[in-house]
Amino acid sequence: MLIGTILRGKGSDVTTVAPEASVRDLLAKLAEHNIGAVVVSTDGATIQGIVSERDVVRHLNDRGAAVLDEPVSAIMTTDVRTVGPGDNVDALRRIMTTQRFRHMPVVQNGRLVGIVSIGDVVKSAIEELETEKASLVDYLHR
């Protein structure tokens, strides 16, 4: 299965936040959209970084509540690993597991076109297994 297949099923809306937005604003956005990470972007197409709830927790623990008024750029990850819609989901699953990534931006022709979470990847694996099972059951009943 390709990553583009996952995006077609879930949609390609990506929540982004500007690097100068406060961490407090970021938390509101995470809560509003019920998501665990956002891409940091000035224009919604290029990627300056990614920031997750895990980043917020780590920085709150290290620096205290003052971090809430700092810009997102102070806590974001700037070395962002991305994938393309034509990449294989099995390879992505291995990367996400070994690198401990829970969210991966999807980029095509240098532009942000989606984001895939580990939950999306697991859901796709379950759907593949269910389809395979149904095919095998059908084959056995012939």
Protein backbone atom coordinates (compact mmCIF):
# COMPACT_ATOMS: atom_id res chain seq x y z
CA MET A 1 0.00 0.00 0.00
CA LEU A 2 1.16 3.52 -0.74
CA ILE A 3 1.05 6.51 1.59
CA GLY A 4 -1.12 8.32 -0.97
CA THR A 5 -3.79 5.67 -0.40
CA ILE A 6 -3.90 6.56 3.30
CA LEU A 7 -4.18 10.27 2.43
CA ARG A 8 -7.06 9.61 0.05
CA GLY A 9 -8.91 7.82 2.83
CA LYS A 10 -8.30 10.38 5.57
CA GLY A 11 -7.99 13.58 3.57
CA SER A 12 -5.05 15.86 3.08
CA ASP A 13 -5.93 18.64 5.51
CA VAL A 14 -2.86 19.49 7.55
CA THR A 15 -3.03 21.72 10.59
CA THR A 16 -0.08 24.09 10.66
CA VAL A 17 1.16 26.72 13.05
CA ALA A 18 3.41 29.70 12.41
CA PRO A 19 6.87 29.59 14.04
CA GLU A 20 6.15 32.81 15.93
CA ALA A 21 2.88 31.51 17.47
CA SER A 22 3.10 30.91 21.20
CA VAL A 23 3.26 27.43 22.69
CA ARG A 24 -0.03 28.31 24.40
CA ASP A 25 -1.60 28.92 20.95
CA LEU A 26 -0.14 25.62 19.79
CA LEU A 27 -1.81 23.78 22.67
CA ALA A 28 -5.15 25.37 21.80
CA LYS A 29 -4.75 24.19 18.21
CA LEU A 30 -3.86 20.65 19.29
CA ALA A 31 -6.92 20.52 21.55
CA GLU A 32 -9.24 22.12 18.98
CA HIS A 33 -8.33 19.61 16.27
CA ASN A 34 -7.80 16.65 18.66
CA ILE A 35 -4.36 15.95 17.20
CA GLY A 36 -0.92 15.21 18.59
CA ALA A 37 1.35 17.25 16.32
CA VAL A 38 1.34 20.11 13.85
CA VAL A 39 3.66 21.13 11.07
CA VAL A 40 5.35 24.48 11.62
CA SER A 41 4.96 26.54 8.45
CA THR A 42 4.78 30.18 7.49
CA ASP A 43 2.71 29.52 4.37
CA GLY A 44 1.05 26.10 4.83
CA ALA A 45 3.18 24.60 2.06
CA THR A 46 6.80 24.70 3.20
CA ILE A 47 8.03 23.04 6.37
CA GLN A 48 10.08 24.91 8.95
CA GLY A 49 9.61 22.24 11.60
CA ILE A 50 7.21 19.96 13.42
CA VAL A 51 6.06 20.18 17.02
CA SER A 52 4.20 17.60 19.06
CA GLU A 53 2.57 17.28 22.42
CA ARG A 54 5.64 15.28 23.44
CA ASP A 55 7.83 18.33 22.68
CA VAL A 56 5.61 20.53 24.84
CA VAL A 57 5.72 18.12 27.78
CA ARG A 58 9.49 17.74 27.58
CA HIS A 59 10.05 21.52 27.53
CA LEU A 60 7.50 22.15 30.29
CA ASN A 61 9.37 19.67 32.43
CA ASP A 62 12.75 21.26 31.66
CA ARG A 63 11.83 24.97 31.79
CA GLY A 64 8.49 25.25 33.55
CA ALA A 65 5.31 27.12 32.63
CA ALA A 66 7.24 30.06 31.13
CA VAL A 67 7.62 27.95 27.99
CA LEU A 68 3.90 28.49 27.28
CA ASP A 69 4.58 32.09 26.29
CA GLU A 70 7.59 31.28 24.12
CA PRO A 71 7.33 30.92 20.35
CA VAL A 72 6.78 27.49 18.85
CA SER A 73 10.13 27.90 17.07
CA ALA A 74 11.83 27.55 20.49
CA ILE A 75 10.61 23.98 20.95
CA MET A 76 10.00 22.63 17.43
CA THR A 77 12.04 19.93 15.73
CA THR A 78 13.77 21.47 12.72
CA ASP A 79 15.29 18.33 11.20
CA VAL A 80 12.01 16.99 9.83
CA ARG A 81 11.89 13.61 8.13
CA THR A 82 9.26 13.49 5.38
CA VAL A 83 7.79 10.92 3.00
CA GLY A 84 6.08 11.14 -0.36
CA PRO A 85 2.63 9.91 -1.41
CA GLY A 86 4.27 7.25 -3.60
CA ASP A 87 6.30 5.78 -0.73
CA ASN A 88 5.45 2.38 0.70
CA VAL A 89 3.51 2.20 3.99
CA ASP A 90 5.47 -0.86 5.15
CA ALA A 91 8.72 1.10 4.94
CA LEU A 92 7.08 4.01 6.76
CA ARG A 93 5.88 1.68 9.52
CA ARG A 94 9.44 0.46 10.08
CA ILE A 95 10.81 4.03 10.13
CA MET A 96 8.15 5.23 12.56
CA THR A 97 8.75 2.27 14.85
CA THR A 98 12.55 2.34 14.88
CA GLN A 99 12.89 6.15 14.96
CA ARG A 100 9.97 6.54 17.41
CA PHE A 101 8.13 9.04 15.18
CA ARG A 102 4.39 9.34 15.68
CA HIS A 103 3.75 11.81 12.85
CA MET A 104 5.32 12.16 9.43
CA PRO A 105 4.64 15.02 7.00
CA VAL A 106 3.95 14.00 3.41
CA VAL A 107 5.61 16.17 0.77
CA GLN A 108 5.17 16.18 -3.00
CA ASN A 109 7.16 18.44 -5.33
CA GLY A 110 8.52 20.31 -2.31
CA ARG A 111 5.05 21.13 -0.94
CA LEU A 112 3.29 19.80 2.14
CA VAL A 113 0.35 17.64 1.00
CA GLY A 114 -0.56 15.74 4.16
CA ILE A 115 0.51 14.20 7.42
CA VAL A 116 0.37 10.56 8.47
CA SER A 117 0.21 9.40 12.07
CA ILE A 118 1.22 6.06 13.50
CA GLY A 119 -2.50 5.47 14.06
CA ASP A 120 -3.13 5.92 10.32
CA VAL A 121 -0.38 3.42 9.57
CA VAL A 122 -1.72 0.84 12.03
CA LYS A 123 -5.26 1.31 10.68
CA SER A 124 -4.02 0.66 7.14
CA ALA A 125 -2.26 -2.53 8.28
CA ILE A 126 -5.45 -3.77 9.94
CA GLU A 127 -7.49 -3.00 6.80
CA GLU A 128 -4.94 -4.89 4.66
CA LEU A 129 -5.10 -7.90 6.98
CA GLU A 130 -8.90 -7.88 6.95
CA THR A 131 -8.96 -7.76 3.14
CA GLU A 132 -6.43 -10.59 2.96
CA LYS A 133 -8.46 -12.66 5.44
CA ALA A 134 -11.67 -12.12 3.45
CA SER A 135 -9.89 -13.23 0.26
CA LEU A 136 -8.56 -16.36 1.93
CA VAL A 137 -11.94 -17.25 3.41
CA ASP A 138 -13.56 -16.72 0.00
CA TYR A 139 -10.91 -18.91 -1.64
CA LEU A 140 -11.42 -21.72 0.91
CA HIS A 141 -15.21 -21.71 0.42
CA ARG A 142 -15.01 -22.21 -3.36
